[in-house]
C-alpha atoms as a PDB file:
ATOM      1  CA  UNK A   1      61.053  60.406   4.442  1.00  0.00           C
ATOM      2  CA  UNK A   2      61.484  58.400   7.525  1.00  0.00           C
ATOM      3  CA  UNK A   3      63.913  55.385   7.660  1.00  0.00           C
ATOM      4  CA  UNK A   4      64.040  54.765  11.359  1.00  0.00           C
ATOM      5  CA  UNK A   5      61.532  54.997  13.897  1.00  0.00           C
ATOM      6  CA  UNK A   6      61.743  54.928  17.784  1.00  0.00           C
ATOM      7  CA  UNK A   7      58.790  53.687  19.117  1.00  0.00           C
ATOM      8  CA  UNK A   8      57.865  53.491  22.864  1.00  0.00           C
ATOM      9  CA  UNK A   9      55.444  51.197  24.452  1.00  0.00           C
ATOM     10  CA  UNK A  10      54.630  51.050  28.100  1.00  0.00           C
ATOM     11  CA  UNK A  11      51.868  48.055  27.684  1.00  0.00           C
ATOM     12  CA  UNK A  12      48.940  49.636  27.203  1.00  0.00           C
ATOM     13  CA  UNK A  13      46.343  49.640  24.936  1.00  0.00           C
ATOM     14  CA  UNK A  14      46.916  53.406  24.518  1.00  0.00           C
ATOM     15  CA  UNK A  15      50.466  53.200  24.069  1.00  0.00           C
ATOM     16  CA  UNK A  16      50.188  50.834  20.717  1.00  0.00           C
ATOM     17  CA  UNK A  17      47.877  53.529  19.116  1.00  0.00           C
ATOM     18  CA  UNK A  18      51.191  54.884  17.869  1.00  0.00           C
ATOM     19  CA  UNK A  19      51.707  51.638  15.910  1.00  0.00           C
ATOM     20  CA  UNK A  20      49.248  52.963  13.154  1.00  0.00           C
ATOM     21  CA  UNK A  21      50.910  55.632  12.479  1.00  0.00           C
ATOM     22  CA  UNK A  22      53.828  54.453  12.225  1.00  0.00           C
ATOM     23  CA  UNK A  23      52.772  51.860   9.474  1.00  0.00           C
ATOM     24  CA  UNK A  24      51.604  55.214   7.772  1.00  0.00           C
ATOM     25  CA  UNK A  25      54.647  56.606   8.075  1.00  0.00           C
ATOM     26  CA  UNK A  26      57.212  53.729   6.522  1.00  0.00           C
ATOM     27  CA  UNK A  27      54.728  52.630   4.089  1.00  0.00           C
ATOM     28  CA  UNK A  28      56.516  52.853   0.878  1.00  0.00           C
ATOM     29  CA  UNK A  29      59.924  53.512   2.096  1.00  0.00           C
ATOM     30  CA  UNK A  30      63.006  51.121   1.202  1.00  0.00           C
ATOM     31  CA  UNK A  31      65.179  49.559   4.284  1.00  0.00           C
ATOM     32  CA  UNK A  32      62.856  50.726   6.899  1.00  0.00           C
ATOM     33  CA  UNK A  33      63.997  49.918  10.573  1.00  0.00           C
ATOM     34  CA  UNK A  34      61.558  50.325  13.495  1.00  0.00           C
ATOM     35  CA  UNK A  35      62.749  49.801  16.930  1.00  0.00           C
ATOM     36  CA  UNK A  36      59.897  48.731  19.688  1.00  0.00           C
ATOM     37  CA  UNK A  37      60.908  49.981  22.602  1.00  0.00           C
ATOM     38  CA  UNK A  38      59.746  49.208  26.471  1.00  0.00           C
ATOM     39  CA  UNK A  39      60.948  50.398  29.731  1.00  0.00           C
ATOM     40  CA  UNK A  40      60.330  48.267  32.647  1.00  0.00           C
ATOM     41  CA  UNK A  41      60.294  49.128  36.435  1.00  0.00           C
ATOM     42  CA  UNK A  42      63.357  46.530  38.283  1.00  0.00           C
ATOM     43  CA  UNK A  43      61.443  43.894  39.637  1.00  0.00           C
ATOM     44  CA  UNK A  44      62.438  42.323  43.393  1.00  0.00           C
ATOM     45  CA  UNK A  45      62.666  38.703  44.387  1.00  0.00           C
ATOM     46  CA  UNK A  46      59.390  36.997  44.163  1.00  0.00           C
ATOM     47  CA  UNK A  47      57.579  34.394  45.726  1.00  0.00           C
ATOM     48  CA  UNK A  48      58.423  34.090  49.005  1.00  0.00           C
ATOM     49  CA  UNK A  49      58.135  30.940  50.351  1.00  0.00           C
ATOM     50  CA  UNK A  50      58.620  28.546  53.339  1.00  0.00           C
ATOM     51  CA  UNK A  51      59.236  24.760  53.695  1.00  0.00           C
ATOM     52  CA  UNK A  52      57.729  24.288  57.240  1.00  0.00           C
ATOM     53  CA  UNK A  53      56.129  26.686  60.030  1.00  0.00           C
ATOM     54  CA  UNK A  54      56.490  30.311  59.912  1.00  0.00           C
ATOM     55  CA  UNK A  55      57.023  30.638  63.651  1.00  0.00           C
ATOM     56  CA  UNK A  56      58.799  28.702  65.814  1.00  0.00           C
ATOM     57  CA  UNK A  57      56.370  25.922  67.436  1.00  0.00           C
ATOM     58  CA  UNK A  58      56.745  24.189  71.077  1.00  0.00           C
ATOM     59  CA  UNK A  59      56.174  20.828  70.794  1.00  0.00           C
ATOM     60  CA  UNK A  60      54.978  19.765  74.490  1.00  0.00           C
ATOM     61  CA  UNK A  61      53.652  16.619  75.194  1.00  0.00           C
ATOM     62  CA  UNK A  62      56.275  14.326  72.735  1.00  0.00           C
ATOM     63  CA  UNK A  63      58.722  12.708  73.898  1.00  0.00           C
ATOM     64  CA  UNK A  64      61.675  11.377  72.530  1.00  0.00           C
ATOM     65  CA  UNK A  65      63.954  13.293  70.066  1.00  0.00           C
ATOM     66  CA  UNK A  66      61.670  15.667  69.088  1.00  0.00           C
ATOM     67  CA  UNK A  67      60.897  17.481  71.994  1.00  0.00           C
ATOM     68  CA  UNK A  68      61.743  20.883  72.538  1.00  0.00           C
ATOM     69  CA  UNK A  69      60.849  23.658  69.920  1.00  0.00           C
ATOM     70  CA  UNK A  70      59.978  23.074  66.301  1.00  0.00           C
ATOM     71  CA  UNK A  71      62.427  26.659  64.445  1.00  0.00           C
ATOM     72  CA  UNK A  72      60.740  28.605  61.782  1.00  0.00           C
ATOM     73  CA  UNK A  73      61.805  27.873  58.580  1.00  0.00           C
ATOM     74  CA  UNK A  74      63.588  30.686  56.660  1.00  0.00           C
ATOM     75  CA  UNK A  75      62.150  32.384  53.904  1.00  0.00           C
ATOM     76  CA  UNK A  76      63.120  30.931  50.443  1.00  0.00           C
ATOM     77  CA  UNK A  77      62.721  32.816  46.854  1.00  0.00           C
ATOM     78  CA  UNK A  78      61.158  31.277  43.964  1.00  0.00           C
ATOM     79  CA  UNK A  79      63.252  34.091  41.838  1.00  0.00           C
ATOM     80  CA  UNK A  80      65.958  36.189  43.339  1.00  0.00           C
ATOM     81  CA  UNK A  81      65.784  39.520  41.793  1.00  0.00           C
ATOM     82  CA  UNK A  82      68.287  39.007  38.465  1.00  0.00           C
ATOM     83  CA  UNK A  83      66.318  35.787  37.734  1.00  0.00           C
ATOM     84  CA  UNK A  84      63.072  38.288  38.188  1.00  0.00           C
ATOM     85  CA  UNK A  85      64.674  41.152  35.533  1.00  0.00           C
ATOM     86  CA  UNK A  86      65.438  38.210  33.642  1.00  0.00           C
ATOM     87  CA  UNK A  87      61.890  36.501  33.607  1.00  0.00           C
ATOM     88  CA  UNK A  88      60.315  40.345  33.342  1.00  0.00           C
ATOM     89  CA  UNK A  89      62.665  41.695  30.322  1.00  0.00           C
ATOM     90  CA  UNK A  90      61.920  38.249  28.597  1.00  0.00           C
ATOM     91  CA  UNK A  91      57.831  38.952  28.781  1.00  0.00           C
ATOM     92  CA  UNK A  92      58.626  42.187  27.499  1.00  0.00           C
ATOM     93  CA  UNK A  93      60.203  41.162  24.440  1.00  0.00           C
ATOM     94  CA  UNK A  94      57.608  38.760  24.222  1.00  0.00           C
ATOM     95  CA  UNK A  95      55.133  41.296  23.842  1.00  0.00           C
ATOM     96  CA  UNK A  96      57.101  43.636  21.500  1.00  0.00           C
ATOM     97  CA  UNK A  97      57.408  40.736  19.156  1.00  0.00           C
ATOM     98  CA  UNK A  98      53.772  40.183  19.283  1.00  0.00           C
ATOM     99  CA  UNK A  99      52.936  43.554  18.565  1.00  0.00           C
ATOM    100  CA  UNK A 100      56.151  44.135  15.478  1.00  0.00           C
ATOM    101  CA  UNK A 101      54.639  40.984  13.545  1.00  0.00           C
ATOM    102  CA  UNK A 102      52.338  42.780  11.344  1.00  0.00           C
ATOM    103  CA  UNK A 103      55.367  45.267  10.485  1.00  0.00           C
ATOM    104  CA  UNK A 104      57.841  42.185   9.833  1.00  0.00           C
ATOM    105  CA  UNK A 105      55.570  40.640   8.068  1.00  0.00           C
ATOM    106  CA  UNK A 106      54.955  43.671   5.699  1.00  0.00           C
ATOM    107  CA  UNK A 107      58.878  43.294   5.174  1.00  0.00           C
ATOM    108  CA  UNK A 108      60.099  46.437   7.562  1.00  0.00           C
ATOM    109  CA  UNK A 109      63.021  45.691   9.914  1.00  0.00           C
ATOM    110  CA  UNK A 110      61.980  45.174  13.141  1.00  0.00           C
ATOM    111  CA  UNK A 111      64.131  44.991  16.267  1.00  0.00           C
ATOM    112  CA  UNK A 112      63.217  45.386  20.309  1.00  0.00           C
ATOM    113  CA  UNK A 113      64.824  46.461  23.162  1.00  0.00           C
ATOM    114  CA  UNK A 114      63.932  46.626  26.818  1.00  0.00           C
ATOM    115  CA  UNK A 115      65.602  48.840  29.591  1.00  0.00           C
ATOM    116  CA  UNK A 116      65.012  48.883  33.080  1.00  0.00           C
ATOM    117  CA  UNK A 117      64.665  52.558  34.965  1.00  0.00           C
ATOM    118  CA  UNK A 118      62.923  55.740  34.928  1.00  0.00           C
ATOM    119  CA  UNK A 119      61.009  55.919  31.480  1.00  0.00           C
ATOM    120  CA  UNK A 120      61.695  59.220  30.325  1.00  0.00           C
ATOM    121  CA  UNK A 121      65.262  59.167  30.906  1.00  0.00           C
ATOM    122  CA  UNK A 122      65.353  55.428  29.411  1.00  0.00           C
ATOM    123  CA  UNK A 123      64.132  56.646  26.141  1.00  0.00           C
ATOM    124  CA  UNK A 124      66.272  59.887  25.863  1.00  0.00           C
ATOM    125  CA  UNK A 125      69.379  58.087  26.799  1.00  0.00           C
ATOM    126  CA  UNK A 126      68.171  54.900  24.178  1.00  0.00           C
ATOM    127  CA  UNK A 127      67.124  57.515  21.330  1.00  0.00           C
ATOM    128  CA  UNK A 128      70.925  59.548  21.721  1.00  0.00           C
ATOM    129  CA  UNK A 129      72.386  56.257  21.386  1.00  0.00           C
ATOM    130  CA  UNK A 130      70.447  55.074  17.965  1.00  0.00           C
ATOM    131  CA  UNK A 131      70.452  58.006  15.852  1.00  0.00           C
ATOM    132  CA  UNK A 132      66.216  57.908  14.508  1.00  0.00           C
ATOM    133  CA  UNK A 133      64.755  60.238  12.654  1.00  0.00           C
ATOM    134  CA  UNK A 134      61.728  60.166  14.590  1.00  0.00           C
ATOM    135  CA  UNK A 135      60.060  59.399  17.989  1.00  0.00           C
ATOM    136  CA  UNK A 136      56.403  58.017  17.350  1.00  0.00           C
ATOM    137  CA  UNK A 137      54.711  57.671  21.233  1.00  0.00           C
ATOM    138  CA  UNK A 138      51.195  58.028  21.916  1.00  0.00           C
ATOM    139  CA  UNK A 139      49.978  60.787  24.832  1.00  0.00           C
ATOM    140  CA  UNK A 140      47.562  60.149  27.551  1.00  0.00           C
ATOM    141  CA  UNK A 141      46.321  63.474  26.591  1.00  0.00           C
ATOM    142  CA  UNK A 142      47.024  65.295  29.851  1.00  0.00           C
ATOM    143  CA  UNK A 143      48.008  68.913  29.565  1.00  0.00           C
ATOM    144  CA  UNK A 144      48.409  72.252  31.865  1.00  0.00           C
ATOM    145  CA  UNK A 145      48.525  71.613  35.239  1.00  0.00           C
ATOM    146  CA  UNK A 146      47.559  67.837  35.264  1.00  0.00           C
ATOM    147  CA  UNK A 147      50.601  67.378  33.288  1.00  0.00           C
ATOM    148  CA  UNK A 148      53.276  69.124  35.421  1.00  0.00           C
ATOM    149  CA  UNK A 149      51.275  67.392  38.914  1.00  0.00           C
ATOM    150  CA  UNK A 150      51.647  64.134  37.212  1.00  0.00           C
ATOM    151  CA  UNK A 151      54.276  64.125  34.885  1.00  0.00           C
ATOM    152  CA  UNK A 152      54.652  63.632  31.616  1.00  0.00           C
ATOM    153  CA  UNK A 153      56.765  60.942  29.802  1.00  0.00           C
ATOM    154  CA  UNK A 154      56.140  61.860  26.478  1.00  0.00           C
ATOM    155  CA  UNK A 155      56.963  65.861  27.058  1.00  0.00           C
ATOM    156  CA  UNK A 156      60.347  65.081  28.828  1.00  0.00           C
ATOM    157  CA  UNK A 157      60.872  63.342  25.465  1.00  0.00           C
ATOM    158  CA  UNK A 158      59.773  66.345  23.455  1.00  0.00           C
ATOM    159  CA  UNK A 159      62.063  68.357  25.612  1.00  0.00           C
ATOM    160  CA  UNK A 160      65.188  66.709  25.680  1.00  0.00           C
ATOM    161  CA  UNK A 161      65.642  67.747  21.972  1.00  0.00           C
ATOM    162  CA  UNK A 162      66.893  63.991  21.360  1.00  0.00           C
ATOM    163  CA  UNK A 163      65.330  63.384  17.797  1.00  0.00           C
ATOM    164  CA  UNK A 164      61.840  64.763  16.272  1.00  0.00           C
ATOM    165  CA  UNK A 165      58.870  63.760  18.195  1.00  0.00           C
ATOM    166  CA  UNK A 166      55.817  62.585  16.893  1.00  0.00           C
ATOM    167  CA  UNK A 167      52.868  62.189  19.324  1.00  0.00           C
ATOM    168  CA  UNK A 168      49.720  60.476  18.831  1.00  0.00           C
ATOM    169  CA  UNK A 169      46.467  60.786  20.776  1.00  0.00           C
ATOM    170  CA  UNK A 170      44.412  57.969  20.355  1.00  0.00           C
ATOM    171  CA  UNK A 171      40.758  58.248  18.920  1.00  0.00           C
ATOM    172  CA  UNK A 172      37.802  59.236  21.572  1.00  0.00           C
ATOM    173  CA  UNK A 173      40.777  61.175  24.414  1.00  0.00           C
ATOM    174  CA  UNK A 174      40.493  64.458  24.959  1.00  0.00           C
ATOM    175  CA  UNK A 175      42.786  66.720  26.664  1.00  0.00           C
ATOM    176  CA  UNK A 176      42.147  67.001  29.946  1.00  0.00           C
ATOM    177  CA  UNK A 177      42.171  70.405  32.015  1.00  0.00           C
ATOM    178  CA  UNK A 178      43.740  72.105  28.904  1.00  0.00           C
ATOM    179  CA  UNK A 179      43.867  72.941  24.929  1.00  0.00           C
ATOM    180  CA  UNK A 180      45.400  70.055  22.903  1.00  0.00           C
END
């Protein structure tokens, strides 16, 4: 029935609730392909470190060449923004590979992709390029005014019409403030 599925995952247990449904959808399908997809927020340089004092320090009472003011050391980043993005992308790909391993072990072709930016837009654009049969994603179970105020990645993907969307609501989750 479904041969190519896109499964957006955000690192939460809630989003991972879509995976058992994916397994059921592709069961018995030859040459099934599942793409696990994650959207990261663009990190900035991290771990500011100084190699010396954080502000100028007067050196008084000292004779000789060390007399005067010891200048503040400049900030040095352990990672520049490019390195931070590369590290974060690697961590997200490892996360997706770990989640996809059971599917892969059962003979399903599993691919992984990580993008950076706004989640809904990234999912829609990736789905548009990938020609998927369906998108399978979990929802937080918000509806009505709560959904409008907080925004919903799932709702935006559905409204885009880029592909059919199967929405999974994890067990034990109820709609907050409206009908399911």
